Amino acid sequence: MQQSIWQGIKLVFRKELVVGLRFKAAWAAMLMFSLTTLACVSMALQGGTLEPRLLAALLWVILFFASLAGADRVFADEDTAGTLLALRIYGPSQAVLMGKMLYTFFLMVALAAFITPLFVLLLDVTVAAPGLLTVVLLLGCGGIATAGTLIAALTTGASVHGGLFSILMLPVILPVFLPAISLSAAAFGGGDSAGSYLVGMGLYDLILAVGASLLFDYLWYED
């Protein structure tokens, strides 16, 4: 049974990756939003510098709002294409959830890996603790991926899907968002990092994943 679940997760992830690379709508929307915001801020500063906490907040604002342009599509595209019913019939719920969650995490990590070096270069950011920044980005992307996948499932089929997704996403992700800003500021040289924030982010990501797993069975089979 466990092997079947893992096989299902790999199949769902592979399918999402192939479709994502073929049509690229989510990738393009996220990248264009990030690049446009980053370019506008860079030109507005005209070589000026910001304090570490403002830089950290700006980085996470870019990543968060970019995620809104792509993370909500994991179930909406299935619904639009008419393949959601077939996936519900033939796909085990946990394999579908984890496969789509893994794909969204991959999408967010790829976005962060592309945007963060440009952010550091264009805004002349000094990264005092690159290891801490890497861990924070991974934990933050994990939280966004988990919350985004669950909320995308909740809002699938809603007539105001995009707006509803954004409204629900912000309060769910705030417990990840706020410590991520503080830890990123510390990584940029703006004070000491608090280990409790890292632990808190990791625990909240875990709680989100467990909650999503428990709730998704009901959504998948009862909707």
N, C-alpha and C. Protein backbone atom coordinates (compact mmCIF):
# COMPACT_ATOMS: atom_id res chain seq x y z
N MET A 1 0.83 -1.21 0.00
CA MET A 1 0.00 0.00 0.00
C MET A 1 0.87 1.26 0.00
N GLN A 2 1.88 1.26 0.88
CA GLN A 2 2.76 2.41 0.98
C GLN A 2 3.53 2.62 -0.32
N GLN A 3 3.98 1.51 -0.93
CA GLN A 3 4.68 1.62 -2.20
C GLN A 3 3.77 2.18 -3.27
N SER A 4 2.47 1.80 -3.23
CA SER A 4 1.51 2.31 -4.20
C SER A 4 1.31 3.81 -4.05
N ILE A 5 1.28 4.30 -2.81
CA ILE A 5 1.13 5.73 -2.56
C ILE A 5 2.34 6.49 -3.12
N TRP A 6 3.54 5.98 -2.83
CA TRP A 6 4.75 6.64 -3.32
C TRP A 6 4.79 6.64 -4.85
N GLN A 7 4.36 5.54 -5.45
CA GLN A 7 4.31 5.47 -6.91
C GLN A 7 3.31 6.48 -7.45
N GLY A 8 2.17 6.62 -6.77
CA GLY A 8 1.17 7.60 -7.18
C GLY A 8 1.69 9.02 -7.06
N ILE A 9 2.42 9.31 -5.98
CA ILE A 9 3.00 10.64 -5.79
C ILE A 9 3.95 10.96 -6.93
N LYS A 10 4.79 10.01 -7.28
CA LYS A 10 5.75 10.24 -8.37
C LYS A 10 5.04 10.46 -9.70
N LEU A 11 3.96 9.69 -9.94
CA LEU A 11 3.23 9.85 -11.19
C LEU A 11 2.54 11.21 -11.28
N VAL A 12 1.92 11.64 -10.17
CA VAL A 12 1.25 12.94 -10.16
C VAL A 12 2.27 14.07 -10.33
N PHE A 13 3.39 13.97 -9.62
CA PHE A 13 4.43 15.00 -9.73
C PHE A 13 4.97 15.06 -11.16
N ARG A 14 5.22 13.90 -11.76
CA ARG A 14 5.75 13.87 -13.12
C ARG A 14 4.74 14.45 -14.10
N LYS A 15 3.46 14.13 -13.89
CA LYS A 15 2.43 14.68 -14.77
C LYS A 15 2.36 16.19 -14.65
N GLU A 16 2.39 16.71 -13.42
CA GLU A 16 2.34 18.16 -13.20
C GLU A 16 3.56 18.84 -13.83
N LEU A 17 4.71 18.22 -13.69
CA LEU A 17 5.94 18.81 -14.23
C LEU A 17 5.91 18.85 -15.75
N VAL A 18 5.46 17.76 -16.38
CA VAL A 18 5.39 17.71 -17.84
C VAL A 18 4.40 18.75 -18.36
N VAL A 19 3.22 18.82 -17.73
CA VAL A 19 2.21 19.79 -18.16
C VAL A 19 2.70 21.21 -17.92
N GLY A 20 3.33 21.45 -16.76
CA GLY A 20 3.83 22.77 -16.45
C GLY A 20 4.89 23.24 -17.42
N LEU A 21 5.80 22.35 -17.80
CA LEU A 21 6.86 22.71 -18.74
C LEU A 21 6.32 22.84 -20.16
N ARG A 22 5.21 22.16 -20.45
CA ARG A 22 4.66 22.23 -21.80
C ARG A 22 3.89 23.53 -22.02
N PHE A 23 3.09 23.93 -21.03
CA PHE A 23 2.24 25.11 -21.22
C PHE A 23 2.82 26.37 -20.55
N LYS A 24 3.54 26.21 -19.46
CA LYS A 24 4.34 27.28 -18.85
C LYS A 24 3.53 28.49 -18.37
N ALA A 25 2.20 28.38 -18.27
CA ALA A 25 1.40 29.54 -17.87
C ALA A 25 1.74 29.98 -16.45
N ALA A 26 1.78 29.01 -15.52
CA ALA A 26 2.08 29.35 -14.13
C ALA A 26 3.50 29.88 -13.98
N TRP A 27 4.45 29.22 -14.68
CA TRP A 27 5.84 29.66 -14.61
C TRP A 27 5.98 31.09 -15.12
N ALA A 28 5.36 31.38 -16.26
CA ALA A 28 5.48 32.71 -16.86
C ALA A 28 4.86 33.78 -15.98
N ALA A 29 3.68 33.50 -15.41
CA ALA A 29 3.01 34.48 -14.56
C ALA A 29 3.84 34.80 -13.32
N MET A 30 4.39 33.78 -12.69
CA MET A 30 5.19 33.99 -11.49
C MET A 30 6.48 34.75 -11.80
N LEU A 31 7.15 34.36 -12.86
CA LEU A 31 8.42 35.00 -13.21
C LEU A 31 8.22 36.45 -13.64
N MET A 32 7.19 36.72 -14.43
CA MET A 32 6.96 38.07 -14.90
C MET A 32 6.59 39.00 -13.75
N PHE A 33 5.76 38.52 -12.82
CA PHE A 33 5.42 39.35 -11.66
C PHE A 33 6.68 39.65 -10.86
N SER A 34 7.49 38.64 -10.59
CA SER A 34 8.69 38.82 -9.78
C SER A 34 9.67 39.77 -10.45
N LEU A 35 9.93 39.55 -11.73
CA LEU A 35 10.89 40.38 -12.45
C LEU A 35 10.41 41.83 -12.57
N THR A 36 9.12 42.01 -12.83
CA THR A 36 8.59 43.37 -12.95
C THR A 36 8.70 44.12 -11.63
N THR A 37 8.31 43.47 -10.53
CA THR A 37 8.40 44.10 -9.22
C THR A 37 9.84 44.42 -8.86
N LEU A 38 10.72 43.48 -9.08
CA LEU A 38 12.12 43.66 -8.75
C LEU A 38 12.74 44.78 -9.58
N ALA A 39 12.43 44.84 -10.86
CA ALA A 39 12.97 45.89 -11.72
C ALA A 39 12.46 47.26 -11.31
N CYS A 40 11.17 47.36 -10.99
CA CYS A 40 10.59 48.64 -10.57
C CYS A 40 11.23 49.15 -9.28
N VAL A 41 11.40 48.25 -8.31
CA VAL A 41 12.00 48.65 -7.03
C VAL A 41 13.45 49.07 -7.24
N SER A 42 14.18 48.32 -8.06
CA SER A 42 15.58 48.63 -8.32
C SER A 42 15.73 50.00 -8.97
N MET A 43 14.87 50.30 -9.94
CA MET A 43 14.94 51.60 -10.60
C MET A 43 14.50 52.73 -9.68
N ALA A 44 13.51 52.46 -8.82
CA ALA A 44 13.03 53.49 -7.89
C ALA A 44 14.10 53.86 -6.86
N LEU A 45 14.88 52.88 -6.44
CA LEU A 45 15.93 53.15 -5.44
C LEU A 45 17.10 53.93 -6.03
N GLN A 46 17.34 53.77 -7.34
CA GLN A 46 18.41 54.49 -8.04
C GLN A 46 19.76 54.37 -7.32
N GLY A 47 20.11 53.15 -6.96
CA GLY A 47 21.38 52.92 -6.31
C GLY A 47 21.37 53.07 -4.81
N GLY A 48 20.25 53.50 -4.23
CA GLY A 48 20.14 53.63 -2.78
C GLY A 48 20.03 52.27 -2.12
N THR A 49 20.14 52.25 -0.82
CA THR A 49 20.07 50.99 -0.07
C THR A 49 18.95 51.05 0.96
N LEU A 50 18.46 49.89 1.31
CA LEU A 50 17.43 49.76 2.34
C LEU A 50 18.00 48.99 3.52
N GLU A 51 17.39 49.19 4.67
CA GLU A 51 17.83 48.44 5.85
C GLU A 51 17.42 46.98 5.71
N PRO A 52 18.12 46.08 6.41
CA PRO A 52 17.90 44.63 6.22
C PRO A 52 16.45 44.18 6.40
N ARG A 53 15.75 44.75 7.38
CA ARG A 53 14.37 44.29 7.60
C ARG A 53 13.45 44.66 6.44
N LEU A 54 13.65 45.84 5.86
CA LEU A 54 12.86 46.23 4.69
C LEU A 54 13.20 45.36 3.49
N LEU A 55 14.48 45.05 3.34
CA LEU A 55 14.89 44.16 2.25
C LEU A 55 14.26 42.78 2.40
N ALA A 56 14.26 42.26 3.63
CA ALA A 56 13.67 40.94 3.89
C ALA A 56 12.17 40.95 3.60
N ALA A 57 11.50 42.01 4.04
CA ALA A 57 10.06 42.11 3.79
C ALA A 57 9.78 42.19 2.30
N LEU A 58 10.58 42.94 1.58
CA LEU A 58 10.40 43.07 0.13
C LEU A 58 10.60 41.74 -0.57
N LEU A 59 11.62 40.98 -0.17
CA LEU A 59 11.86 39.67 -0.78
C LEU A 59 10.67 38.75 -0.60
N TRP A 60 10.11 38.72 0.61
CA TRP A 60 9.00 37.81 0.87
C TRP A 60 7.69 38.29 0.27
N VAL A 61 7.54 39.60 0.14
CA VAL A 61 6.36 40.12 -0.56
C VAL A 61 6.40 39.68 -2.02
N ILE A 62 7.57 39.77 -2.64
CA ILE A 62 7.72 39.33 -4.03
C ILE A 62 7.41 37.84 -4.16
N LEU A 63 8.00 37.02 -3.29
CA LEU A 63 7.79 35.58 -3.37
C LEU A 63 6.33 35.21 -3.09
N PHE A 64 5.72 35.87 -2.09
CA PHE A 64 4.35 35.53 -1.73
C PHE A 64 3.37 35.88 -2.85
N PHE A 65 3.46 37.10 -3.36
CA PHE A 65 2.49 37.50 -4.38
C PHE A 65 2.78 36.80 -5.71
N ALA A 66 4.03 36.46 -5.97
CA ALA A 66 4.31 35.65 -7.15
C ALA A 66 3.66 34.28 -7.03
N SER A 67 3.65 33.72 -5.81
CA SER A 67 3.04 32.41 -5.61
C SER A 67 1.54 32.44 -5.90
N LEU A 68 0.90 33.59 -5.64
CA LEU A 68 -0.53 33.71 -5.90
C LEU A 68 -0.85 33.61 -7.39
N ALA A 69 0.16 33.92 -8.22
CA ALA A 69 -0.05 33.86 -9.66
C ALA A 69 0.08 32.45 -10.22
N GLY A 70 0.62 31.51 -9.41
CA GLY A 70 0.83 30.17 -9.94
C GLY A 70 0.33 29.05 -9.08
N ALA A 71 0.37 29.22 -7.74
CA ALA A 71 0.03 28.11 -6.84
C ALA A 71 -1.44 27.74 -6.91
N ASP A 72 -2.31 28.68 -7.30
CA ASP A 72 -3.74 28.39 -7.31
C ASP A 72 -4.17 27.58 -8.53
N ARG A 73 -3.25 27.31 -9.46
CA ARG A 73 -3.63 26.66 -10.71
C ARG A 73 -3.57 25.15 -10.65
N VAL A 74 -3.06 24.57 -9.54
CA VAL A 74 -2.83 23.12 -9.52
C VAL A 74 -4.11 22.31 -9.64
N PHE A 75 -5.23 22.85 -9.14
CA PHE A 75 -6.51 22.16 -9.30
C PHE A 75 -7.42 22.89 -10.29
N ALA A 76 -7.27 24.22 -10.41
CA ALA A 76 -8.12 24.98 -11.33
C ALA A 76 -7.90 24.55 -12.77
N ASP A 77 -6.65 24.27 -13.14
CA ASP A 77 -6.37 23.84 -14.51
C ASP A 77 -6.99 22.47 -14.80
N GLU A 78 -6.99 21.59 -13.78
CA GLU A 78 -7.63 20.27 -13.94
C GLU A 78 -9.13 20.45 -14.16
N ASP A 79 -9.72 21.37 -13.40
CA ASP A 79 -11.16 21.61 -13.50
C ASP A 79 -11.51 22.19 -14.86
N THR A 80 -10.69 23.13 -15.33
CA THR A 80 -10.93 23.76 -16.64
C THR A 80 -10.78 22.77 -17.78
N ALA A 81 -9.78 21.89 -17.67
CA ALA A 81 -9.53 20.91 -18.74
C ALA A 81 -10.49 19.73 -18.70
N GLY A 82 -11.25 19.59 -17.62
CA GLY A 82 -12.20 18.49 -17.50
C GLY A 82 -11.59 17.19 -17.06
N THR A 83 -10.37 17.23 -16.52
CA THR A 83 -9.69 16.01 -16.09
C THR A 83 -9.80 15.77 -14.58
N LEU A 84 -10.45 16.69 -13.87
CA LEU A 84 -10.51 16.56 -12.42
C LEU A 84 -11.31 15.33 -12.00
N LEU A 85 -12.40 15.05 -12.69
CA LEU A 85 -13.22 13.89 -12.34
C LEU A 85 -12.45 12.59 -12.55
N ALA A 86 -11.74 12.49 -13.66
CA ALA A 86 -10.94 11.28 -13.92
C ALA A 86 -9.85 11.12 -12.86
N LEU A 87 -9.24 12.23 -12.46
CA LEU A 87 -8.21 12.16 -11.43
C LEU A 87 -8.81 11.73 -10.09
N ARG A 88 -10.02 12.18 -9.82
CA ARG A 88 -10.69 11.81 -8.57
C ARG A 88 -11.04 10.32 -8.56
N ILE A 89 -11.39 9.79 -9.72
CA ILE A 89 -11.79 8.38 -9.80
C ILE A 89 -10.57 7.46 -9.69
N TYR A 90 -9.51 7.80 -10.41
CA TYR A 90 -8.37 6.89 -10.52
C TYR A 90 -7.20 7.23 -9.60
N GLY A 91 -7.20 8.44 -9.04
CA GLY A 91 -6.06 8.86 -8.22
C GLY A 91 -6.33 8.76 -6.74
N PRO A 92 -5.52 8.03 -5.97
CA PRO A 92 -5.66 8.02 -4.50
C PRO A 92 -5.50 9.44 -3.96
N SER A 93 -6.33 9.82 -3.03
CA SER A 93 -6.36 11.19 -2.56
C SER A 93 -5.01 11.67 -2.04
N GLN A 94 -4.34 10.86 -1.21
CA GLN A 94 -3.08 11.29 -0.62
C GLN A 94 -1.98 11.41 -1.67
N ALA A 95 -2.01 10.53 -2.67
CA ALA A 95 -1.02 10.62 -3.74
C ALA A 95 -1.23 11.89 -4.55
N VAL A 96 -2.49 12.23 -4.82
CA VAL A 96 -2.79 13.46 -5.57
C VAL A 96 -2.35 14.68 -4.78
N LEU A 97 -2.70 14.72 -3.49
CA LEU A 97 -2.33 15.86 -2.65
C LEU A 97 -0.82 16.02 -2.57
N MET A 98 -0.12 14.96 -2.22
CA MET A 98 1.33 15.05 -2.03
C MET A 98 2.07 15.31 -3.36
N GLY A 99 1.57 14.72 -4.44
CA GLY A 99 2.19 14.96 -5.74
C GLY A 99 2.07 16.41 -6.17
N LYS A 100 0.87 16.97 -6.00
CA LYS A 100 0.67 18.37 -6.37
C LYS A 100 1.39 19.31 -5.40
N MET A 101 1.43 18.93 -4.13
CA MET A 101 2.16 19.73 -3.14
C MET A 101 3.65 19.73 -3.45
N LEU A 102 4.18 18.58 -3.83
CA LEU A 102 5.60 18.48 -4.17
C LEU A 102 5.91 19.31 -5.41
N TYR A 103 5.01 19.30 -6.38
CA TYR A 103 5.22 20.10 -7.58
C TYR A 103 5.21 21.60 -7.26
N THR A 104 4.26 22.03 -6.41
CA THR A 104 4.19 23.44 -6.03
C THR A 104 5.44 23.84 -5.26
N PHE A 105 5.93 22.95 -4.39
CA PHE A 105 7.17 23.22 -3.66
C PHE A 105 8.34 23.37 -4.65
N PHE A 106 8.41 22.48 -5.62
CA PHE A 106 9.45 22.56 -6.65
C PHE A 106 9.36 23.89 -7.41
N LEU A 107 8.13 24.30 -7.73
CA LEU A 107 7.90 25.55 -8.43
C LEU A 107 8.38 26.74 -7.61
N MET A 108 8.07 26.73 -6.31
CA MET A 108 8.47 27.83 -5.43
C MET A 108 9.98 27.86 -5.23
N VAL A 109 10.59 26.70 -5.07
CA VAL A 109 12.05 26.65 -4.89
C VAL A 109 12.75 27.14 -6.16
N ALA A 110 12.25 26.75 -7.32
CA ALA A 110 12.83 27.22 -8.58
C ALA A 110 12.70 28.73 -8.70
N LEU A 111 11.53 29.26 -8.30
CA LEU A 111 11.33 30.70 -8.33
C LEU A 111 12.28 31.41 -7.38
N ALA A 112 12.41 30.89 -6.14
CA ALA A 112 13.30 31.50 -5.15
C ALA A 112 14.76 31.43 -5.62
N ALA A 113 15.14 30.32 -6.22
CA ALA A 113 16.52 30.16 -6.71
C ALA A 113 16.83 31.12 -7.85
N PHE A 114 15.81 31.50 -8.60
CA PHE A 114 16.00 32.43 -9.71
C PHE A 114 15.97 33.88 -9.23
N ILE A 115 15.02 34.19 -8.34
CA ILE A 115 14.80 35.58 -7.93
C ILE A 115 15.81 36.05 -6.89
N THR A 116 16.17 35.20 -5.92
CA THR A 116 17.02 35.65 -4.82
C THR A 116 18.37 36.17 -5.29
N PRO A 117 19.10 35.47 -6.17
CA PRO A 117 20.37 36.04 -6.65
C PRO A 117 20.19 37.38 -7.37
N LEU A 118 19.12 37.52 -8.17
CA LEU A 118 18.84 38.79 -8.83
C LEU A 118 18.52 39.87 -7.80
N PHE A 119 17.76 39.51 -6.78
CA PHE A 119 17.42 40.43 -5.70
C PHE A 119 18.69 40.93 -5.01
N VAL A 120 19.58 40.01 -4.69
CA VAL A 120 20.84 40.37 -4.02
C VAL A 120 21.69 41.26 -4.92
N LEU A 121 21.73 40.95 -6.21
CA LEU A 121 22.57 41.70 -7.15
C LEU A 121 22.01 43.09 -7.43
N LEU A 122 20.72 43.17 -7.77
CA LEU A 122 20.14 44.44 -8.18
C LEU A 122 19.97 45.42 -7.03
N LEU A 123 19.70 44.91 -5.82
CA LEU A 123 19.48 45.79 -4.68
C LEU A 123 20.71 45.91 -3.79
N ASP A 124 21.83 45.35 -4.26
CA ASP A 124 23.11 45.45 -3.55
C ASP A 124 22.97 44.97 -2.09
N VAL A 125 22.44 43.76 -1.94
CA VAL A 125 22.20 43.20 -0.61
C VAL A 125 23.43 42.42 -0.14
N THR A 126 23.81 42.64 1.10
CA THR A 126 24.90 41.87 1.70
C THR A 126 24.30 40.68 2.46
N VAL A 127 24.63 39.48 2.04
CA VAL A 127 24.13 38.28 2.71
C VAL A 127 25.18 37.82 3.71
N ALA A 128 24.92 38.10 4.99
CA ALA A 128 25.87 37.76 6.04
C ALA A 128 25.82 36.28 6.41
N ALA A 129 24.65 35.66 6.23
CA ALA A 129 24.49 34.25 6.62
C ALA A 129 23.75 33.51 5.50
N PRO A 130 24.44 33.11 4.43
CA PRO A 130 23.79 32.44 3.30
C PRO A 130 23.13 31.11 3.69
N GLY A 131 23.74 30.39 4.64
CA GLY A 131 23.14 29.13 5.07
C GLY A 131 21.78 29.34 5.72
N LEU A 132 21.69 30.35 6.59
CA LEU A 132 20.42 30.67 7.24
C LEU A 132 19.39 31.09 6.21
N LEU A 133 19.78 31.91 5.25
CA LEU A 133 18.85 32.36 4.22
C LEU A 133 18.32 31.18 3.41
N THR A 134 19.19 30.22 3.09
CA THR A 134 18.77 29.05 2.32
C THR A 134 17.73 28.23 3.08
N VAL A 135 17.98 28.00 4.37
CA VAL A 135 17.04 27.22 5.19
C VAL A 135 15.70 27.95 5.29
N VAL A 136 15.74 29.26 5.51
CA VAL A 136 14.51 30.04 5.63
C VAL A 136 13.72 30.00 4.32
N LEU A 137 14.41 30.12 3.21
CA LEU A 137 13.72 30.06 1.91
C LEU A 137 13.06 28.70 1.70
N LEU A 138 13.74 27.62 2.06
CA LEU A 138 13.17 26.28 1.91
C LEU A 138 11.93 26.10 2.80
N LEU A 139 12.04 26.55 4.06
CA LEU A 139 10.89 26.42 4.98
C LEU A 139 9.73 27.30 4.52
N GLY A 140 10.04 28.51 4.07
CA GLY A 140 9.00 29.40 3.59
C GLY A 140 8.32 28.87 2.35
N CYS A 141 9.11 28.36 1.42
CA CYS A 141 8.53 27.78 0.20
C CYS A 141 7.69 26.55 0.52
N GLY A 142 8.13 25.77 1.52
CA GLY A 142 7.34 24.61 1.95
C GLY A 142 6.00 25.02 2.51
N GLY A 143 5.98 26.06 3.33
CA GLY A 143 4.72 26.54 3.89
C GLY A 143 3.79 27.07 2.82
N ILE A 144 4.33 27.86 1.89
CA ILE A 144 3.51 28.40 0.80
C ILE A 144 2.96 27.28 -0.07
N ALA A 145 3.79 26.27 -0.37
CA ALA A 145 3.35 25.15 -1.21
C ALA A 145 2.24 24.35 -0.53
N THR A 146 2.40 24.09 0.76
CA THR A 146 1.40 23.30 1.48
C THR A 146 0.08 24.05 1.59
N ALA A 147 0.15 25.30 2.04
CA ALA A 147 -1.08 26.10 2.17
C ALA A 147 -1.71 26.35 0.82
N GLY A 148 -0.89 26.65 -0.19
CA GLY A 148 -1.43 26.94 -1.51
C GLY A 148 -2.14 25.75 -2.14
N THR A 149 -1.58 24.56 -1.98
CA THR A 149 -2.20 23.36 -2.56
C THR A 149 -3.54 23.07 -1.90
N LEU A 150 -3.59 23.19 -0.57
CA LEU A 150 -4.85 22.92 0.13
C LEU A 150 -5.91 23.95 -0.23
N ILE A 151 -5.55 25.22 -0.23
CA ILE A 151 -6.54 26.27 -0.52
C ILE A 151 -6.97 26.21 -1.98
N ALA A 152 -6.05 25.83 -2.87
CA ALA A 152 -6.44 25.65 -4.27
C ALA A 152 -7.51 24.56 -4.41
N ALA A 153 -7.38 23.49 -3.61
CA ALA A 153 -8.39 22.43 -3.63
C ALA A 153 -9.71 22.93 -3.06
N LEU A 154 -9.64 23.74 -2.01
CA LEU A 154 -10.85 24.27 -1.38
C LEU A 154 -11.62 25.20 -2.31
N THR A 155 -10.91 25.99 -3.09
CA THR A 155 -11.55 27.02 -3.91
C THR A 155 -11.82 26.57 -5.35
N THR A 156 -11.47 25.35 -5.70
CA THR A 156 -11.71 24.87 -7.06
C THR A 156 -13.20 24.89 -7.37
N GLY A 157 -13.55 25.47 -8.50
CA GLY A 157 -14.95 25.54 -8.89
C GLY A 157 -15.65 26.79 -8.44
N ALA A 158 -15.05 27.57 -7.55
CA ALA A 158 -15.67 28.82 -7.10
C ALA A 158 -15.66 29.83 -8.24
N SER A 159 -16.73 30.63 -8.33
CA SER A 159 -16.84 31.60 -9.42
C SER A 159 -15.82 32.73 -9.29
N VAL A 160 -15.36 32.98 -8.07
CA VAL A 160 -14.35 34.02 -7.83
C VAL A 160 -13.09 33.35 -7.30
N HIS A 161 -12.64 32.34 -8.00
CA HIS A 161 -11.54 31.51 -7.52
C HIS A 161 -10.30 32.31 -7.16
N GLY A 162 -9.85 33.18 -8.07
CA GLY A 162 -8.62 33.92 -7.84
C GLY A 162 -8.68 34.81 -6.61
N GLY A 163 -9.76 35.59 -6.50
CA GLY A 163 -9.91 36.48 -5.36
C GLY A 163 -10.06 35.72 -4.06
N LEU A 164 -10.83 34.64 -4.07
CA LEU A 164 -11.03 33.84 -2.87
C LEU A 164 -9.73 33.18 -2.43
N PHE A 165 -8.95 32.71 -3.38
CA PHE A 165 -7.67 32.10 -3.05
C PHE A 165 -6.76 33.08 -2.33
N SER A 166 -6.69 34.31 -2.82
CA SER A 166 -5.83 35.33 -2.21
C SER A 166 -6.29 35.67 -0.80
N ILE A 167 -7.61 35.78 -0.61
CA ILE A 167 -8.16 36.14 0.69
C ILE A 167 -7.86 35.06 1.73
N LEU A 168 -8.00 33.80 1.34
CA LEU A 168 -7.77 32.70 2.28
C LEU A 168 -6.29 32.44 2.52
N MET A 169 -5.48 32.73 1.53
CA MET A 169 -4.06 32.39 1.61
C MET A 169 -3.32 33.23 2.65
N LEU A 170 -3.59 34.52 2.70
CA LEU A 170 -2.81 35.41 3.57
C LEU A 170 -2.88 35.04 5.04
N PRO A 171 -4.07 34.87 5.65
CA PRO A 171 -4.07 34.53 7.08
C PRO A 171 -3.46 33.16 7.39
N VAL A 172 -3.57 32.22 6.46
CA VAL A 172 -3.00 30.89 6.69
C VAL A 172 -1.48 30.94 6.68
N ILE A 173 -0.91 31.78 5.81
CA ILE A 173 0.54 31.78 5.65
C ILE A 173 1.24 32.80 6.55
N LEU A 174 0.51 33.66 7.23
CA LEU A 174 1.14 34.66 8.09
C LEU A 174 2.08 34.07 9.14
N PRO A 175 1.73 32.95 9.81
CA PRO A 175 2.67 32.37 10.79
C PRO A 175 3.99 31.90 10.18
N VAL A 176 4.04 31.73 8.87
CA VAL A 176 5.31 31.44 8.19
C VAL A 176 5.96 32.74 7.70
N PHE A 177 5.13 33.62 7.20
CA PHE A 177 5.58 34.85 6.57
C PHE A 177 6.34 35.75 7.54
N LEU A 178 5.80 35.97 8.73
CA LEU A 178 6.39 36.93 9.67
C LEU A 178 7.75 36.47 10.21
N PRO A 179 7.89 35.21 10.71
CA PRO A 179 9.23 34.78 11.13
C PRO A 179 10.21 34.69 9.98
N ALA A 180 9.73 34.40 8.77
CA ALA A 180 10.62 34.35 7.61
C ALA A 180 11.24 35.72 7.35
N ILE A 181 10.47 36.78 7.54
CA ILE A 181 11.00 38.13 7.37
C ILE A 181 12.07 38.42 8.42
N SER A 182 11.80 38.07 9.68
CA SER A 182 12.77 38.32 10.75
C SER A 182 14.06 37.54 10.53
N LEU A 183 13.94 36.29 10.13
CA LEU A 183 15.12 35.46 9.91
C LEU A 183 15.89 35.90 8.67
N SER A 184 15.19 36.31 7.63
CA SER A 184 15.86 36.80 6.43
C SER A 184 16.60 38.11 6.73
N ALA A 185 15.99 38.97 7.56
CA ALA A 185 16.67 40.20 7.97
C ALA A 185 17.96 39.89 8.72
N ALA A 186 17.92 38.86 9.56
CA ALA A 186 19.13 38.44 10.28
C ALA A 186 20.18 37.92 9.29
N ALA A 187 19.72 37.20 8.27
CA ALA A 187 20.65 36.70 7.25
C ALA A 187 21.28 37.83 6.45
N PHE A 188 20.57 38.97 6.36
CA PHE A 188 21.10 40.14 5.66
C PHE A 188 21.93 41.04 6.58
N GLY A 189 22.19 40.56 7.79
CA GLY A 189 23.02 41.32 8.71
C GLY A 189 22.26 42.25 9.63
N GLY A 190 20.95 42.04 9.73
CA GLY A 190 20.12 42.93 10.55
C GLY A 190 19.82 42.38 11.92
N GLY A 191 20.82 41.94 12.66
CA GLY A 191 20.60 41.42 14.00
C GLY A 191 20.81 39.93 14.08
N ASP A 192 20.62 39.41 15.28
CA ASP A 192 20.81 37.98 15.52
C ASP A 192 19.55 37.20 15.13
N SER A 193 19.76 35.97 14.70
CA SER A 193 18.62 35.11 14.36
C SER A 193 18.16 34.36 15.60
N ALA A 194 16.87 34.13 15.66
CA ALA A 194 16.29 33.39 16.78
C ALA A 194 16.01 31.95 16.33
N GLY A 195 16.67 31.00 16.98
CA GLY A 195 16.47 29.60 16.61
C GLY A 195 15.03 29.16 16.79
N SER A 196 14.33 29.79 17.73
CA SER A 196 12.93 29.42 17.97
C SER A 196 12.06 29.73 16.75
N TYR A 197 12.44 30.77 15.98
CA TYR A 197 11.68 31.09 14.77
C TYR A 197 11.81 29.97 13.73
N LEU A 198 13.03 29.45 13.60
CA LEU A 198 13.23 28.33 12.66
C LEU A 198 12.42 27.11 13.07
N VAL A 199 12.47 26.80 14.36
CA VAL A 199 11.71 25.66 14.87
C VAL A 199 10.22 25.89 14.66
N GLY A 200 9.77 27.11 14.94
CA GLY A 200 8.36 27.44 14.76
C GLY A 200 7.91 27.30 13.32
N MET A 201 8.74 27.77 12.38
CA MET A 201 8.40 27.62 10.96
C MET A 201 8.31 26.15 10.56
N GLY A 202 9.28 25.36 11.02
CA GLY A 202 9.26 23.93 10.70
C GLY A 202 8.04 23.23 11.26
N LEU A 203 7.69 23.55 12.51
CA LEU A 203 6.51 22.93 13.13
C LEU A 203 5.23 23.35 12.44
N TYR A 204 5.15 24.62 12.07
CA TYR A 204 3.93 25.08 11.40
C TYR A 204 3.78 24.44 10.02
N ASP A 205 4.90 24.30 9.31
CA ASP A 205 4.84 23.58 8.03
C ASP A 205 4.34 22.16 8.22
N LEU A 206 4.82 21.50 9.27
CA LEU A 206 4.39 20.13 9.56
C LEU A 206 2.91 20.08 9.91
N ILE A 207 2.45 21.03 10.73
CA ILE A 207 1.04 21.08 11.10
C ILE A 207 0.17 21.31 9.87
N LEU A 208 0.61 22.22 8.99
CA LEU A 208 -0.13 22.47 7.75
C LEU A 208 -0.23 21.20 6.90
N ALA A 209 0.88 20.47 6.80
CA ALA A 209 0.89 19.24 5.98
C ALA A 209 -0.03 18.18 6.55
N VAL A 210 0.01 18.00 7.87
CA VAL A 210 -0.86 17.01 8.51
C VAL A 210 -2.32 17.42 8.38
N GLY A 211 -2.61 18.71 8.63
CA GLY A 211 -3.98 19.19 8.50
C GLY A 211 -4.50 19.05 7.08
N ALA A 212 -3.65 19.37 6.10
CA ALA A 212 -4.06 19.22 4.70
C ALA A 212 -4.35 17.77 4.37
N SER A 213 -3.52 16.85 4.88
CA SER A 213 -3.70 15.43 4.62
C SER A 213 -5.03 14.93 5.19
N LEU A 214 -5.36 15.38 6.40
CA LEU A 214 -6.60 14.95 7.04
C LEU A 214 -7.83 15.53 6.36
N LEU A 215 -7.73 16.79 5.95
CA LEU A 215 -8.89 17.47 5.36
C LEU A 215 -9.10 17.06 3.91
N PHE A 216 -8.03 16.71 3.21
CA PHE A 216 -8.13 16.49 1.78
C PHE A 216 -8.95 15.25 1.44
N ASP A 217 -8.90 14.22 2.27
CA ASP A 217 -9.72 13.03 2.02
C ASP A 217 -11.20 13.39 1.93
N TYR A 218 -11.64 14.25 2.85
CA TYR A 218 -13.05 14.68 2.83
C TYR A 218 -13.36 15.48 1.58
N LEU A 219 -12.47 16.41 1.21
CA LEU A 219 -12.68 17.22 0.03
C LEU A 219 -12.70 16.36 -1.23
N TRP A 220 -11.81 15.39 -1.30
CA TRP A 220 -11.63 14.60 -2.51
C TRP A 220 -12.79 13.66 -2.78
N TYR A 221 -13.31 13.04 -1.70
CA TYR A 221 -14.34 12.02 -1.88
C TYR A 221 -15.76 12.52 -1.66
N GLU A 222 -15.91 13.65 -0.94
CA GLU A 222 -17.25 14.12 -0.62
C GLU A 222 -17.70 15.29 -1.48
N ASP A 223 -16.74 15.95 -2.17
CA ASP A 223 -17.10 17.12 -2.97
C ASP A 223 -18.02 16.72 -4.13
